[in-house]
């Protein structure tokens, strides 16, 4: 597959797992970081290389077989992906900075700070890439993560940057838990006769990730 038709510019913990499932229901094959844990054949090294030099990457390669992508690492490179795939629509999932900060403190940050405890080589490879391309590794830094205002500002600054950078006709801003209607209208799809997915709440995050890591 590829080129990408849908690019997710929203940070993780803004409903990206639910959006991943929703896009699949709409007929897309959607890339999400969790795919890398499920499928070891996916090459995630290009994202690490792109963090050093995004212009040197052939974006078709890491997204081979996919026509939509959400969550990290995609949102880190949304500008480059927009240029590569000029017909792609951009989805920006958002929530309040306070609730986002609380969510990452319960989920991603504790996992990142346990990197040295992980035994699975694949899991360490995925997490290593994550720590490089996700906000320059802030989730693994306990001291920086304690600065609530700093971390929330990274979140809100990204949202405002996306809104400034993406033309309005290519961008849909989606609130957490919003549902099908505006998404389907934006993508030119019929509303499915199933409820919009509601997945990966903070309470179930560790259970879902542990299934793939097998060592937490």
N, C-alpha and C. Protein backbone atom coordinates (compact mmCIF):
# COMPACT_ATOMS: atom_id res chain seq x y z
N UNK A 1 0.85 -1.17 0.00
CA UNK A 1 0.00 0.00 0.00
C UNK A 1 0.89 1.22 0.00
N UNK A 2 0.52 2.24 0.82
CA UNK A 2 1.20 3.52 0.70
C UNK A 2 1.00 3.96 -0.75
N UNK A 3 0.77 5.19 -1.06
CA UNK A 3 0.98 6.32 -0.17
C UNK A 3 -0.08 6.44 0.92
N UNK A 4 0.29 7.11 2.00
CA UNK A 4 -0.64 7.34 3.09
C UNK A 4 -1.78 8.25 2.63
N UNK A 5 -2.98 7.88 3.02
CA UNK A 5 -4.16 8.70 2.75
C UNK A 5 -4.58 9.49 3.99
N UNK A 6 -4.18 8.99 5.16
CA UNK A 6 -4.53 9.64 6.44
C UNK A 6 -3.29 9.70 7.31
N UNK A 7 -2.99 10.88 7.84
CA UNK A 7 -1.83 11.09 8.71
C UNK A 7 -2.35 11.58 10.06
N UNK A 8 -2.04 10.85 11.13
CA UNK A 8 -2.42 11.28 12.47
C UNK A 8 -1.35 12.16 13.06
N UNK A 9 -1.70 13.41 13.37
CA UNK A 9 -0.74 14.35 13.94
C UNK A 9 -0.88 14.48 15.45
N UNK A 10 -1.83 13.77 16.04
CA UNK A 10 -2.05 13.87 17.48
C UNK A 10 -1.12 12.98 18.28
N UNK A 11 -0.69 13.47 19.44
CA UNK A 11 0.14 12.68 20.34
C UNK A 11 -0.60 11.43 20.80
N UNK A 12 0.19 10.43 21.23
CA UNK A 12 -0.39 9.29 21.92
C UNK A 12 -1.11 9.75 23.17
N UNK A 13 -2.05 8.93 23.64
CA UNK A 13 -2.92 9.22 24.79
C UNK A 13 -3.94 10.30 24.48
N UNK A 14 -4.29 10.42 23.18
CA UNK A 14 -5.39 11.32 22.79
C UNK A 14 -6.45 10.54 22.03
N UNK A 15 -6.58 9.24 22.33
CA UNK A 15 -7.56 8.42 21.66
C UNK A 15 -7.05 7.78 20.38
N UNK A 16 -5.72 7.64 20.26
CA UNK A 16 -5.16 7.14 19.01
C UNK A 16 -5.40 5.64 18.81
N UNK A 17 -5.50 4.86 19.88
CA UNK A 17 -5.80 3.44 19.72
C UNK A 17 -7.23 3.27 19.21
N UNK A 18 -8.15 4.02 19.75
CA UNK A 18 -9.52 3.98 19.26
C UNK A 18 -9.60 4.46 17.82
N UNK A 19 -8.86 5.51 17.49
CA UNK A 19 -8.84 6.02 16.13
C UNK A 19 -8.24 5.00 15.18
N UNK A 20 -7.20 4.32 15.62
CA UNK A 20 -6.58 3.25 14.83
C UNK A 20 -7.63 2.20 14.45
N UNK A 21 -8.41 1.77 15.42
CA UNK A 21 -9.45 0.77 15.16
C UNK A 21 -10.55 1.36 14.28
N UNK A 22 -10.92 2.61 14.54
CA UNK A 22 -11.97 3.25 13.75
C UNK A 22 -11.58 3.33 12.27
N UNK A 23 -10.35 3.72 12.00
CA UNK A 23 -9.90 3.82 10.62
C UNK A 23 -9.88 2.45 9.95
N UNK A 24 -9.50 1.43 10.71
CA UNK A 24 -9.54 0.07 10.16
C UNK A 24 -10.96 -0.35 9.81
N UNK A 25 -11.91 0.02 10.65
CA UNK A 25 -13.32 -0.28 10.37
C UNK A 25 -13.76 0.42 9.08
N UNK A 26 -13.21 1.61 8.84
CA UNK A 26 -13.57 2.37 7.64
C UNK A 26 -12.85 1.86 6.39
N UNK A 27 -12.01 0.85 6.55
CA UNK A 27 -11.39 0.23 5.39
C UNK A 27 -9.93 0.53 5.18
N UNK A 28 -9.33 1.31 6.08
CA UNK A 28 -7.91 1.59 5.98
C UNK A 28 -7.10 0.48 6.67
N UNK A 29 -5.84 0.37 6.31
CA UNK A 29 -4.89 -0.45 7.07
C UNK A 29 -3.98 0.53 7.79
N UNK A 30 -4.13 0.61 9.11
CA UNK A 30 -3.61 1.74 9.87
C UNK A 30 -2.41 1.37 10.73
N UNK A 31 -1.37 2.17 10.61
CA UNK A 31 -0.13 1.99 11.37
C UNK A 31 -0.27 2.68 12.73
N UNK A 32 0.16 1.99 13.78
CA UNK A 32 0.19 2.52 15.15
C UNK A 32 1.38 1.87 15.83
N UNK A 33 1.96 2.53 16.78
CA UNK A 33 3.14 1.96 17.44
C UNK A 33 2.91 0.55 17.96
N UNK A 34 1.69 0.25 18.40
CA UNK A 34 1.41 -1.08 18.92
C UNK A 34 1.59 -2.14 17.83
N UNK A 35 1.46 -1.74 16.56
CA UNK A 35 1.68 -2.69 15.46
C UNK A 35 3.10 -3.24 15.49
N UNK A 36 4.04 -2.43 15.93
CA UNK A 36 5.44 -2.85 15.95
C UNK A 36 5.68 -3.94 16.99
N UNK A 37 4.90 -3.95 18.05
CA UNK A 37 5.00 -5.00 19.05
C UNK A 37 4.31 -6.27 18.58
N UNK A 38 3.24 -6.11 17.82
CA UNK A 38 2.50 -7.28 17.34
C UNK A 38 3.21 -7.96 16.18
N UNK A 39 3.90 -7.18 15.35
CA UNK A 39 4.50 -7.70 14.11
C UNK A 39 5.98 -7.36 14.06
N UNK A 40 6.82 -8.34 14.38
CA UNK A 40 8.26 -8.09 14.43
C UNK A 40 8.88 -7.91 13.05
N UNK A 41 8.13 -8.18 12.00
CA UNK A 41 8.67 -7.98 10.65
C UNK A 41 8.69 -6.51 10.26
N UNK A 42 7.97 -5.67 11.00
CA UNK A 42 7.96 -4.24 10.68
C UNK A 42 9.30 -3.62 11.07
N UNK A 43 9.88 -2.90 10.14
CA UNK A 43 11.18 -2.27 10.36
C UNK A 43 10.96 -0.89 10.95
N UNK A 44 11.33 -0.72 12.20
CA UNK A 44 11.12 0.58 12.85
C UNK A 44 12.38 1.44 12.88
N UNK A 45 13.50 0.88 12.42
CA UNK A 45 14.76 1.65 12.44
C UNK A 45 14.69 2.93 11.63
N UNK A 46 13.95 2.97 10.50
CA UNK A 46 13.89 4.23 9.74
C UNK A 46 13.41 5.42 10.56
N UNK A 47 12.55 5.18 11.56
CA UNK A 47 12.08 6.30 12.36
C UNK A 47 13.21 6.88 13.21
N UNK A 48 14.07 6.01 13.69
CA UNK A 48 15.22 6.47 14.46
C UNK A 48 16.17 7.26 13.56
N UNK A 49 16.36 6.76 12.34
CA UNK A 49 17.20 7.47 11.37
C UNK A 49 16.57 8.80 10.99
N UNK A 50 15.25 8.82 10.86
CA UNK A 50 14.56 10.05 10.48
C UNK A 50 14.68 11.12 11.54
N UNK A 51 14.80 10.70 12.79
CA UNK A 51 14.97 11.68 13.86
C UNK A 51 16.27 12.45 13.68
N UNK A 52 17.28 11.78 13.11
CA UNK A 52 18.56 12.45 12.84
C UNK A 52 18.51 13.24 11.55
N UNK A 53 17.86 12.68 10.52
CA UNK A 53 17.85 13.32 9.21
C UNK A 53 16.59 12.91 8.45
N UNK A 54 15.47 13.59 8.67
CA UNK A 54 14.21 13.17 8.05
C UNK A 54 14.23 13.23 6.53
N UNK A 55 15.09 14.04 5.95
CA UNK A 55 15.13 14.16 4.49
C UNK A 55 15.75 12.94 3.83
N UNK A 56 16.46 12.12 4.59
CA UNK A 56 17.16 10.97 4.02
C UNK A 56 16.29 9.72 3.96
N UNK A 57 15.05 9.80 4.43
CA UNK A 57 14.21 8.61 4.56
C UNK A 57 13.27 8.45 3.37
N UNK A 58 13.16 7.23 2.88
CA UNK A 58 12.13 6.87 1.93
C UNK A 58 10.92 6.43 2.75
N UNK A 59 9.96 7.32 2.92
CA UNK A 59 8.85 7.06 3.84
C UNK A 59 7.97 5.90 3.40
N UNK A 60 8.02 5.53 2.13
CA UNK A 60 7.23 4.39 1.68
C UNK A 60 7.65 3.10 2.38
N UNK A 61 8.91 3.02 2.78
CA UNK A 61 9.41 1.76 3.35
C UNK A 61 8.83 1.45 4.72
N UNK A 62 8.93 2.35 5.72
CA UNK A 62 8.35 1.97 7.03
C UNK A 62 6.84 1.83 6.99
N UNK A 63 6.17 2.48 6.01
CA UNK A 63 4.72 2.42 5.93
C UNK A 63 4.24 1.44 4.85
N UNK A 64 5.14 0.60 4.37
CA UNK A 64 4.75 -0.37 3.35
C UNK A 64 3.60 -1.24 3.85
N UNK A 65 2.55 -1.33 3.06
CA UNK A 65 1.38 -2.13 3.46
C UNK A 65 0.33 -1.34 4.21
N UNK A 66 0.59 -0.06 4.50
CA UNK A 66 -0.36 0.77 5.25
C UNK A 66 -0.79 1.96 4.40
N UNK A 67 -2.02 2.42 4.61
CA UNK A 67 -2.46 3.64 3.93
C UNK A 67 -2.98 4.69 4.92
N UNK A 68 -2.81 4.43 6.20
CA UNK A 68 -3.13 5.40 7.24
C UNK A 68 -2.17 5.16 8.41
N UNK A 69 -1.93 6.20 9.20
CA UNK A 69 -0.99 6.06 10.32
C UNK A 69 -1.35 7.07 11.39
N UNK A 70 -1.32 6.63 12.65
CA UNK A 70 -1.64 7.49 13.79
C UNK A 70 -0.65 7.22 14.93
N UNK A 71 -0.70 8.07 15.94
CA UNK A 71 0.12 7.91 17.15
C UNK A 71 1.59 8.22 16.82
N UNK A 72 2.44 8.05 17.85
CA UNK A 72 3.88 8.10 17.62
C UNK A 72 4.30 6.83 16.91
N UNK A 73 5.35 6.84 16.09
CA UNK A 73 6.20 7.97 15.73
C UNK A 73 5.65 8.86 14.63
N UNK A 74 4.49 8.49 14.04
CA UNK A 74 3.95 9.25 12.91
C UNK A 74 3.79 10.73 13.21
N UNK A 75 3.21 11.05 14.38
CA UNK A 75 2.91 12.46 14.66
C UNK A 75 4.18 13.31 14.77
N UNK A 76 5.31 12.68 15.08
CA UNK A 76 6.58 13.42 15.14
C UNK A 76 6.96 13.94 13.76
N UNK A 77 6.59 13.20 12.73
CA UNK A 77 7.03 13.50 11.37
C UNK A 77 5.87 13.94 10.47
N UNK A 78 4.82 14.51 11.05
CA UNK A 78 3.65 14.81 10.24
C UNK A 78 3.96 15.80 9.12
N UNK A 79 4.89 16.74 9.34
CA UNK A 79 5.22 17.71 8.30
C UNK A 79 5.88 17.03 7.10
N UNK A 80 6.85 16.19 7.39
CA UNK A 80 7.53 15.47 6.32
C UNK A 80 6.57 14.55 5.56
N UNK A 81 5.66 13.92 6.30
CA UNK A 81 4.70 13.02 5.67
C UNK A 81 3.68 13.79 4.83
N UNK A 82 3.29 14.96 5.26
CA UNK A 82 2.40 15.81 4.46
C UNK A 82 3.04 16.17 3.13
N UNK A 83 4.33 16.48 3.17
CA UNK A 83 5.04 16.82 1.94
C UNK A 83 5.16 15.61 1.02
N UNK A 84 5.43 14.45 1.63
CA UNK A 84 5.60 13.22 0.85
C UNK A 84 4.27 12.78 0.23
N UNK A 85 3.18 12.95 0.99
CA UNK A 85 1.86 12.49 0.54
C UNK A 85 0.90 13.68 0.50
N UNK A 86 0.99 14.50 -0.55
CA UNK A 86 0.24 15.77 -0.57
C UNK A 86 -1.27 15.62 -0.61
N UNK A 87 -1.78 14.44 -0.95
CA UNK A 87 -3.22 14.23 -0.99
C UNK A 87 -3.77 13.68 0.34
N UNK A 88 -2.90 13.41 1.29
CA UNK A 88 -3.33 12.82 2.56
C UNK A 88 -4.07 13.85 3.41
N UNK A 89 -5.09 13.38 4.12
CA UNK A 89 -5.78 14.20 5.11
C UNK A 89 -5.07 14.04 6.45
N UNK A 90 -5.17 15.06 7.30
CA UNK A 90 -4.49 15.07 8.60
C UNK A 90 -5.52 15.10 9.72
N UNK A 91 -5.36 14.18 10.67
CA UNK A 91 -6.24 14.13 11.84
C UNK A 91 -5.45 14.54 13.07
N UNK A 92 -5.95 15.52 13.80
CA UNK A 92 -5.32 15.97 15.04
C UNK A 92 -6.25 15.65 16.20
N UNK A 93 -5.90 14.62 16.97
CA UNK A 93 -6.70 14.26 18.14
C UNK A 93 -6.21 15.05 19.35
N UNK A 94 -7.14 15.59 20.12
CA UNK A 94 -6.80 16.47 21.23
C UNK A 94 -7.63 16.12 22.46
N UNK A 95 -7.15 16.61 23.60
CA UNK A 95 -7.87 16.55 24.86
C UNK A 95 -7.30 17.67 25.72
N UNK A 96 -7.79 17.83 26.93
CA UNK A 96 -7.25 18.89 27.78
C UNK A 96 -5.81 18.54 28.17
N UNK A 97 -4.92 19.54 28.26
CA UNK A 97 -3.54 19.25 28.65
C UNK A 97 -3.43 18.62 30.03
N UNK A 98 -4.34 18.97 30.93
CA UNK A 98 -4.31 18.41 32.27
C UNK A 98 -4.61 16.91 32.25
N UNK A 99 -5.65 16.53 31.49
CA UNK A 99 -6.01 15.11 31.44
C UNK A 99 -4.96 14.32 30.66
N UNK A 100 -4.37 14.93 29.63
CA UNK A 100 -3.31 14.24 28.88
C UNK A 100 -2.10 13.98 29.77
N UNK A 101 -1.70 14.99 30.53
CA UNK A 101 -0.55 14.83 31.42
C UNK A 101 -0.82 13.72 32.45
N UNK A 102 -2.00 13.73 33.02
CA UNK A 102 -2.34 12.69 34.00
C UNK A 102 -2.29 11.31 33.37
N UNK A 103 -2.73 11.22 32.12
CA UNK A 103 -2.75 9.93 31.43
C UNK A 103 -1.34 9.42 31.15
N UNK A 104 -0.46 10.28 30.63
CA UNK A 104 0.90 9.80 30.32
C UNK A 104 1.66 9.46 31.59
N UNK A 105 1.34 10.13 32.69
CA UNK A 105 2.01 9.83 33.96
C UNK A 105 1.60 8.46 34.50
N UNK A 106 0.43 7.98 34.09
CA UNK A 106 -0.05 6.67 34.53
C UNK A 106 0.35 5.55 33.58
N UNK A 107 0.77 5.90 32.37
CA UNK A 107 0.93 4.89 31.33
C UNK A 107 2.32 4.90 30.70
N UNK A 108 2.55 5.82 29.78
CA UNK A 108 3.78 5.80 28.99
C UNK A 108 5.02 6.08 29.84
N UNK A 109 4.94 7.08 30.71
CA UNK A 109 6.13 7.45 31.48
C UNK A 109 6.63 6.32 32.37
N UNK A 110 5.78 5.65 33.15
CA UNK A 110 6.28 4.53 33.96
C UNK A 110 6.91 3.43 33.12
N UNK A 111 6.34 3.16 31.96
CA UNK A 111 6.90 2.14 31.08
C UNK A 111 8.28 2.56 30.58
N UNK A 112 8.39 3.80 30.15
CA UNK A 112 9.68 4.30 29.65
C UNK A 112 10.75 4.27 30.73
N UNK A 113 10.35 4.53 31.96
CA UNK A 113 11.31 4.56 33.06
C UNK A 113 11.71 3.17 33.53
N UNK A 114 11.08 2.13 32.97
CA UNK A 114 11.43 0.74 33.31
C UNK A 114 12.18 0.07 32.16
N UNK A 115 12.74 0.86 31.27
CA UNK A 115 13.42 0.34 30.07
C UNK A 115 14.43 -0.75 30.41
N UNK A 116 15.24 -0.54 31.44
CA UNK A 116 16.30 -1.50 31.76
C UNK A 116 15.77 -2.82 32.32
N UNK A 117 14.50 -2.85 32.70
CA UNK A 117 13.92 -4.08 33.22
C UNK A 117 13.38 -4.98 32.11
N UNK A 118 13.22 -4.44 30.92
CA UNK A 118 12.60 -5.19 29.83
C UNK A 118 13.59 -6.20 29.26
N UNK A 119 13.15 -7.44 29.13
CA UNK A 119 14.00 -8.52 28.65
C UNK A 119 13.85 -8.77 27.15
N UNK A 120 12.68 -8.55 26.62
CA UNK A 120 12.43 -8.80 25.20
C UNK A 120 13.24 -7.83 24.34
N UNK A 121 14.04 -8.38 23.43
CA UNK A 121 14.86 -7.53 22.57
C UNK A 121 13.99 -6.69 21.64
N UNK A 122 12.91 -7.28 21.12
CA UNK A 122 12.02 -6.52 20.24
C UNK A 122 11.36 -5.38 21.00
N UNK A 123 10.91 -5.66 22.20
CA UNK A 123 10.27 -4.62 23.00
C UNK A 123 11.25 -3.50 23.30
N UNK A 124 12.49 -3.85 23.60
CA UNK A 124 13.50 -2.83 23.88
C UNK A 124 13.80 -2.00 22.63
N UNK A 125 13.79 -2.67 21.48
CA UNK A 125 14.03 -1.96 20.22
C UNK A 125 12.93 -0.95 19.96
N UNK A 126 11.68 -1.37 20.16
CA UNK A 126 10.55 -0.47 19.96
C UNK A 126 10.60 0.69 20.94
N UNK A 127 10.87 0.38 22.20
CA UNK A 127 10.90 1.42 23.22
C UNK A 127 12.08 2.36 22.99
N UNK A 128 13.20 1.82 22.52
CA UNK A 128 14.36 2.67 22.24
C UNK A 128 14.04 3.69 21.16
N UNK A 129 13.37 3.23 20.11
CA UNK A 129 12.95 4.15 19.05
C UNK A 129 11.99 5.19 19.62
N UNK A 130 11.06 4.72 20.44
CA UNK A 130 10.10 5.63 21.05
C UNK A 130 10.80 6.71 21.86
N UNK A 131 11.79 6.32 22.62
CA UNK A 131 12.49 7.28 23.48
C UNK A 131 13.30 8.28 22.67
N UNK A 132 13.64 7.92 21.44
CA UNK A 132 14.38 8.85 20.60
C UNK A 132 13.44 9.85 19.93
N UNK A 133 12.31 9.37 19.42
CA UNK A 133 11.48 10.22 18.57
C UNK A 133 10.32 10.88 19.32
N UNK A 134 10.01 10.43 20.52
CA UNK A 134 8.89 11.01 21.27
C UNK A 134 9.41 12.09 22.21
N UNK A 135 9.26 13.31 21.78
CA UNK A 135 9.61 14.46 22.63
C UNK A 135 11.01 14.34 23.23
N UNK A 136 11.94 13.83 22.40
CA UNK A 136 13.35 13.72 22.81
C UNK A 136 13.52 12.96 24.11
N UNK A 137 12.69 11.95 24.32
CA UNK A 137 12.88 11.07 25.46
C UNK A 137 12.42 11.59 26.80
N UNK A 138 11.54 12.58 26.82
CA UNK A 138 11.15 13.19 28.09
C UNK A 138 10.44 12.20 29.02
N UNK A 139 9.71 11.22 28.47
CA UNK A 139 8.96 10.32 29.34
C UNK A 139 9.86 9.47 30.21
N UNK A 140 11.10 9.24 29.79
CA UNK A 140 12.04 8.45 30.59
C UNK A 140 12.76 9.29 31.63
N UNK A 141 12.56 10.59 31.60
CA UNK A 141 13.26 11.51 32.50
C UNK A 141 12.34 11.86 33.67
N UNK A 142 12.56 11.20 34.81
CA UNK A 142 11.66 11.39 35.94
C UNK A 142 11.60 12.83 36.42
N UNK A 143 12.76 13.51 36.44
CA UNK A 143 12.78 14.88 36.94
C UNK A 143 12.01 15.82 36.02
N UNK A 144 12.23 15.71 34.71
CA UNK A 144 11.51 16.57 33.78
C UNK A 144 10.02 16.27 33.79
N UNK A 145 9.67 15.00 33.97
CA UNK A 145 8.25 14.64 33.99
C UNK A 145 7.53 15.22 35.20
N UNK A 146 8.25 15.55 36.24
CA UNK A 146 7.63 16.15 37.41
C UNK A 146 7.19 17.59 37.15
N UNK A 147 7.74 18.20 36.10
CA UNK A 147 7.41 19.59 35.77
C UNK A 147 6.13 19.59 34.92
N UNK A 148 5.01 19.60 35.61
CA UNK A 148 3.72 19.47 34.95
C UNK A 148 3.51 20.55 33.89
N UNK A 149 3.85 21.78 34.20
CA UNK A 149 3.63 22.89 33.27
C UNK A 149 4.49 22.73 32.02
N UNK A 150 5.73 22.28 32.18
CA UNK A 150 6.62 22.06 31.04
C UNK A 150 6.04 21.01 30.10
N UNK A 151 5.63 19.88 30.66
CA UNK A 151 5.15 18.77 29.83
C UNK A 151 3.84 19.16 29.15
N UNK A 152 2.96 19.82 29.88
CA UNK A 152 1.71 20.26 29.27
C UNK A 152 1.95 21.26 28.16
N UNK A 153 2.96 22.11 28.31
CA UNK A 153 3.26 23.10 27.27
C UNK A 153 3.75 22.41 25.99
N UNK A 154 4.53 21.34 26.12
CA UNK A 154 4.96 20.59 24.94
C UNK A 154 3.74 20.09 24.17
N UNK A 155 2.74 19.66 24.91
CA UNK A 155 1.51 19.14 24.32
C UNK A 155 0.73 20.25 23.61
N UNK A 156 0.49 21.35 24.30
CA UNK A 156 -0.30 22.44 23.70
C UNK A 156 0.45 23.13 22.58
N UNK A 157 1.77 23.24 22.71
CA UNK A 157 2.56 23.86 21.62
C UNK A 157 2.45 23.03 20.34
N UNK A 158 2.46 21.71 20.49
CA UNK A 158 2.34 20.84 19.32
C UNK A 158 0.98 21.03 18.64
N UNK A 159 -0.06 21.09 19.43
CA UNK A 159 -1.40 21.28 18.88
C UNK A 159 -1.48 22.58 18.09
N UNK A 160 -0.96 23.66 18.68
CA UNK A 160 -1.02 24.95 18.00
C UNK A 160 -0.15 24.95 16.75
N UNK A 161 0.98 24.27 16.78
CA UNK A 161 1.85 24.18 15.60
C UNK A 161 1.13 23.46 14.46
N UNK A 162 0.47 22.35 14.78
CA UNK A 162 -0.26 21.61 13.74
C UNK A 162 -1.35 22.49 13.13
N UNK A 163 -2.08 23.18 13.95
CA UNK A 163 -3.15 24.05 13.46
C UNK A 163 -2.61 25.15 12.55
N UNK A 164 -1.43 25.67 12.89
CA UNK A 164 -0.82 26.71 12.05
C UNK A 164 -0.29 26.14 10.74
N UNK A 165 0.26 24.94 10.81
CA UNK A 165 0.98 24.40 9.66
C UNK A 165 0.07 23.73 8.63
N UNK A 166 -0.98 23.07 9.06
CA UNK A 166 -1.80 22.27 8.15
C UNK A 166 -2.93 23.13 7.59
N UNK A 167 -3.06 23.20 6.27
CA UNK A 167 -4.19 23.95 5.69
C UNK A 167 -5.52 23.42 6.20
N UNK A 168 -6.46 24.32 6.38
CA UNK A 168 -7.73 23.95 7.01
C UNK A 168 -8.48 22.88 6.23
N UNK A 169 -8.31 22.85 4.90
CA UNK A 169 -9.04 21.86 4.12
C UNK A 169 -8.43 20.47 4.22
N UNK A 170 -7.24 20.37 4.81
CA UNK A 170 -6.60 19.06 5.00
C UNK A 170 -6.68 18.59 6.45
N UNK A 171 -7.22 19.40 7.36
CA UNK A 171 -7.12 19.13 8.79
C UNK A 171 -8.48 18.93 9.43
N UNK A 172 -8.58 17.88 10.26
CA UNK A 172 -9.72 17.70 11.15
C UNK A 172 -9.20 17.59 12.58
N UNK A 173 -9.67 18.46 13.45
CA UNK A 173 -9.32 18.41 14.87
C UNK A 173 -10.42 17.64 15.58
N UNK A 174 -10.04 16.54 16.24
CA UNK A 174 -11.01 15.66 16.88
C UNK A 174 -10.81 15.65 18.40
N UNK A 175 -11.87 15.90 19.11
CA UNK A 175 -11.83 15.80 20.57
C UNK A 175 -11.86 14.33 20.98
N UNK A 176 -11.23 14.02 22.09
CA UNK A 176 -11.21 12.66 22.62
C UNK A 176 -12.64 12.14 22.77
N UNK A 177 -12.90 10.95 22.20
CA UNK A 177 -14.21 10.31 22.34
C UNK A 177 -15.31 10.91 21.49
N UNK A 178 -14.94 11.65 20.45
CA UNK A 178 -15.94 12.39 19.67
C UNK A 178 -16.90 11.49 18.88
N UNK A 179 -16.40 10.44 18.25
CA UNK A 179 -17.30 9.56 17.50
C UNK A 179 -17.13 9.68 15.99
N UNK A 180 -18.13 9.12 15.27
CA UNK A 180 -18.00 8.90 13.83
C UNK A 180 -18.29 10.10 12.94
N UNK A 181 -19.26 10.93 13.28
CA UNK A 181 -19.89 11.81 12.30
C UNK A 181 -18.92 12.72 11.55
N UNK A 182 -18.20 13.55 12.23
CA UNK A 182 -17.31 14.49 11.53
C UNK A 182 -16.15 13.75 10.87
N UNK A 183 -15.67 12.68 11.50
CA UNK A 183 -14.58 11.89 10.91
C UNK A 183 -15.00 11.33 9.56
N UNK A 184 -16.16 10.72 9.50
CA UNK A 184 -16.62 10.12 8.24
C UNK A 184 -16.89 11.19 7.19
N UNK A 185 -17.47 12.30 7.61
CA UNK A 185 -17.71 13.39 6.66
C UNK A 185 -16.40 13.90 6.08
N UNK A 186 -15.39 14.05 6.91
CA UNK A 186 -14.09 14.56 6.49
C UNK A 186 -13.40 13.61 5.51
N UNK A 187 -13.54 12.31 5.77
CA UNK A 187 -12.87 11.31 4.94
C UNK A 187 -13.73 10.83 3.77
N UNK A 188 -14.97 11.31 3.69
CA UNK A 188 -15.85 10.88 2.62
C UNK A 188 -16.31 9.44 2.76
N UNK A 189 -16.56 9.01 3.98
CA UNK A 189 -16.96 7.62 4.25
C UNK A 189 -18.36 7.59 4.86
N UNK A 190 -19.05 6.49 4.64
CA UNK A 190 -20.34 6.27 5.29
C UNK A 190 -20.12 5.95 6.77
N UNK A 191 -21.03 6.42 7.61
CA UNK A 191 -20.94 6.11 9.05
C UNK A 191 -21.24 4.63 9.25
N UNK A 192 -20.34 3.88 9.86
CA UNK A 192 -20.57 2.43 10.07
C UNK A 192 -21.72 2.19 11.03
N UNK A 193 -22.30 1.03 10.91
CA UNK A 193 -23.40 0.64 11.78
C UNK A 193 -22.88 -0.08 13.02
N UNK A 194 -21.82 0.46 13.58
CA UNK A 194 -21.24 -0.06 14.83
C UNK A 194 -20.82 1.13 15.68
N UNK A 195 -20.77 0.98 16.99
CA UNK A 195 -20.32 2.09 17.83
C UNK A 195 -18.86 2.46 17.55
N UNK A 196 -18.54 3.73 17.73
CA UNK A 196 -17.15 4.15 17.60
C UNK A 196 -16.33 3.44 18.68
N UNK A 197 -15.15 2.91 18.33
CA UNK A 197 -14.36 2.16 19.32
C UNK A 197 -13.98 3.01 20.53
N UNK A 198 -13.90 2.35 21.65
CA UNK A 198 -13.43 2.99 22.89
C UNK A 198 -12.42 2.05 23.53
N UNK A 199 -11.13 2.28 23.22
CA UNK A 199 -10.08 1.34 23.59
C UNK A 199 -8.94 2.04 24.32
N UNK A 200 -8.16 1.23 25.05
CA UNK A 200 -6.88 1.66 25.62
C UNK A 200 -7.00 2.79 26.63
N UNK A 201 -8.02 2.73 27.48
CA UNK A 201 -8.08 3.67 28.59
C UNK A 201 -6.90 3.42 29.52
N UNK A 202 -6.56 4.43 30.30
CA UNK A 202 -5.37 4.32 31.15
C UNK A 202 -5.41 3.09 32.04
N UNK A 203 -6.59 2.75 32.53
CA UNK A 203 -6.71 1.61 33.45
C UNK A 203 -6.30 0.29 32.81
N UNK A 204 -6.45 0.19 31.48
CA UNK A 204 -6.13 -1.08 30.81
C UNK A 204 -4.83 -1.02 30.03
N UNK A 205 -4.15 0.12 30.07
CA UNK A 205 -2.94 0.29 29.25
C UNK A 205 -1.88 -0.76 29.56
N UNK A 206 -1.55 -0.93 30.84
CA UNK A 206 -0.49 -1.87 31.19
C UNK A 206 -0.84 -3.29 30.78
N UNK A 207 -2.10 -3.68 30.94
CA UNK A 207 -2.51 -5.03 30.54
C UNK A 207 -2.34 -5.22 29.04
N UNK A 208 -2.74 -4.24 28.26
CA UNK A 208 -2.65 -4.34 26.81
C UNK A 208 -1.20 -4.41 26.36
N UNK A 209 -0.35 -3.55 26.92
CA UNK A 209 1.06 -3.54 26.53
C UNK A 209 1.75 -4.81 27.01
N UNK A 210 1.44 -5.25 28.21
CA UNK A 210 2.09 -6.44 28.79
C UNK A 210 1.85 -7.68 27.95
N UNK A 211 0.71 -7.76 27.26
CA UNK A 211 0.44 -8.90 26.40
C UNK A 211 1.52 -9.07 25.33
N UNK A 212 2.08 -7.92 24.91
CA UNK A 212 3.06 -7.94 23.84
C UNK A 212 4.49 -7.95 24.36
N UNK A 213 4.70 -7.46 25.56
CA UNK A 213 6.05 -7.44 26.12
C UNK A 213 6.38 -8.74 26.85
N UNK A 214 5.36 -9.31 27.53
CA UNK A 214 5.53 -10.59 28.24
C UNK A 214 6.56 -10.55 29.35
N UNK A 215 6.95 -9.37 29.81
CA UNK A 215 7.98 -9.34 30.83
C UNK A 215 7.76 -8.22 31.83
N UNK A 216 6.61 -7.59 31.82
CA UNK A 216 6.38 -6.51 32.79
C UNK A 216 5.61 -7.06 33.97
